[in-house]
């Protein structure tokens, strides 16, 4: 999917604590909820020890609204208390992009 530029990327890099403790179910729920938010564009994630989740947004305002979503706030709180031993969030402006080959199916 070609996104209209510029757009914003929120990059969430993390390391998990042992065990699931409801993490997988909540992650699925949060992705679904994010996709319903005004200004949401797309989502990608990968985990191999280090986890990386990237959400794409039309505006900074859409990002702020998502961060303040009550269900998302609850998940963020659980993340700090139960699921992550470390994380970093980066908010970036995407001005250009390019790719090669076929995008892998998720």
Protein backbone atom coordinates (compact mmCIF):
# COMPACT_ATOMS: atom_id res chain seq x y z
CA UNK A 1 0.00 0.00 0.00
CA UNK A 2 1.36 3.39 -0.97
CA UNK A 3 0.85 5.94 1.82
CA UNK A 4 0.56 9.66 1.10
CA UNK A 5 3.68 11.43 2.33
CA UNK A 6 4.58 12.84 4.67
CA UNK A 7 3.13 10.57 7.34
CA UNK A 8 4.25 9.55 10.81
CA UNK A 9 5.73 6.34 12.19
CA UNK A 10 5.65 5.36 15.86
CA UNK A 11 8.41 2.81 16.44
CA UNK A 12 8.02 0.79 19.64
CA UNK A 13 11.15 -1.25 20.38
CA UNK A 14 11.07 -3.53 23.42
CA UNK A 15 12.28 -6.53 25.35
CA UNK A 16 9.69 -8.74 27.07
CA UNK A 17 9.57 -10.22 30.52
CA UNK A 18 9.18 -14.03 30.78
CA UNK A 19 5.73 -15.57 30.31
CA UNK A 20 2.69 -14.33 28.44
CA UNK A 21 0.50 -13.01 31.28
CA UNK A 22 -2.23 -11.97 28.82
CA UNK A 23 0.20 -10.16 26.50
CA UNK A 24 -0.69 -11.97 23.24
CA UNK A 25 -4.42 -11.44 23.64
CA UNK A 26 -3.94 -7.76 24.49
CA UNK A 27 -1.53 -7.19 21.59
CA UNK A 28 -4.11 -8.53 19.14
CA UNK A 29 -6.82 -6.39 20.74
CA UNK A 30 -4.64 -3.24 20.65
CA UNK A 31 -3.79 -3.69 16.97
CA UNK A 32 -7.49 -4.10 16.14
CA UNK A 33 -8.38 -1.05 18.23
CA UNK A 34 -5.59 1.06 16.66
CA UNK A 35 -6.87 0.18 13.18
CA UNK A 36 -10.24 1.70 14.16
CA UNK A 37 -8.73 5.04 15.24
CA UNK A 38 -9.04 8.15 13.05
CA UNK A 39 -5.75 8.80 11.28
CA UNK A 40 -4.44 5.22 11.51
CA UNK A 41 -2.69 4.06 8.33
CA UNK A 42 -0.92 0.72 8.86
CA UNK A 43 0.92 -1.56 11.29
CA UNK A 44 3.96 -3.88 11.12
CA UNK A 45 5.70 -5.91 13.83
CA UNK A 46 8.45 -8.47 14.35
CA UNK A 47 9.88 -10.32 17.34
CA UNK A 48 13.05 -12.33 17.66
CA UNK A 49 14.16 -11.60 21.20
CA UNK A 50 13.92 -7.88 20.51
CA UNK A 51 10.41 -6.76 19.58
CA UNK A 52 9.66 -3.99 17.12
CA UNK A 53 6.16 -2.69 16.39
CA UNK A 54 5.63 0.20 14.00
CA UNK A 55 2.34 1.99 13.60
CA UNK A 56 1.78 4.56 10.85
CA UNK A 57 -0.39 7.64 11.26
CA UNK A 58 -1.62 10.60 9.23
CA UNK A 59 -0.78 13.22 11.87
CA UNK A 60 0.79 13.93 15.24
CA UNK A 61 -2.72 14.65 16.54
CA UNK A 62 -3.82 11.10 15.62
CA UNK A 63 -0.81 9.71 17.52
CA UNK A 64 -1.60 11.81 20.61
CA UNK A 65 -5.23 10.66 20.50
CA UNK A 66 -4.18 7.00 20.24
CA UNK A 67 -1.77 7.34 23.16
CA UNK A 68 -4.63 8.80 25.24
CA UNK A 69 -7.17 6.08 24.33
CA UNK A 70 -8.43 4.61 27.63
CA UNK A 71 -8.03 0.95 26.62
CA UNK A 72 -4.57 1.72 25.25
CA UNK A 73 -3.64 3.51 28.51
CA UNK A 74 -4.62 0.38 30.44
CA UNK A 75 -2.45 -1.78 28.15
CA UNK A 76 0.45 0.69 28.52
CA UNK A 77 0.17 0.43 32.30
CA UNK A 78 0.23 -3.37 32.16
CA UNK A 79 3.21 -3.15 29.81
CA UNK A 80 5.21 -1.20 32.37
CA UNK A 81 4.14 -3.43 35.27
CA UNK A 82 4.09 -6.89 33.65
CA UNK A 83 5.23 -7.29 30.04
CA UNK A 84 8.35 -5.25 29.31
CA UNK A 85 11.76 -5.14 30.93
CA UNK A 86 12.71 -2.26 28.59
CA UNK A 87 11.18 -0.22 25.79
CA UNK A 88 11.76 2.86 23.68
CA UNK A 89 9.27 4.83 21.59
CA UNK A 90 10.33 6.90 18.60
CA UNK A 91 8.02 9.17 16.61
CA UNK A 92 9.30 9.92 13.11
CA UNK A 93 8.18 11.76 9.99
CA UNK A 94 8.35 9.62 6.85
CA UNK A 95 9.11 11.84 3.87
CA UNK A 96 10.13 9.20 1.36
CA UNK A 97 10.34 5.43 1.04
CA UNK A 98 11.31 2.73 -1.39
CA UNK A 99 11.21 -1.06 -1.47
CA UNK A 100 12.42 -4.08 -3.39
CA UNK A 101 10.69 -7.35 -4.21
CA UNK A 102 7.54 -8.75 -2.70
CA UNK A 103 6.42 -7.78 0.76
CA UNK A 104 6.17 -10.90 2.95
CA UNK A 105 2.66 -11.87 4.02
CA UNK A 106 1.96 -11.39 7.73
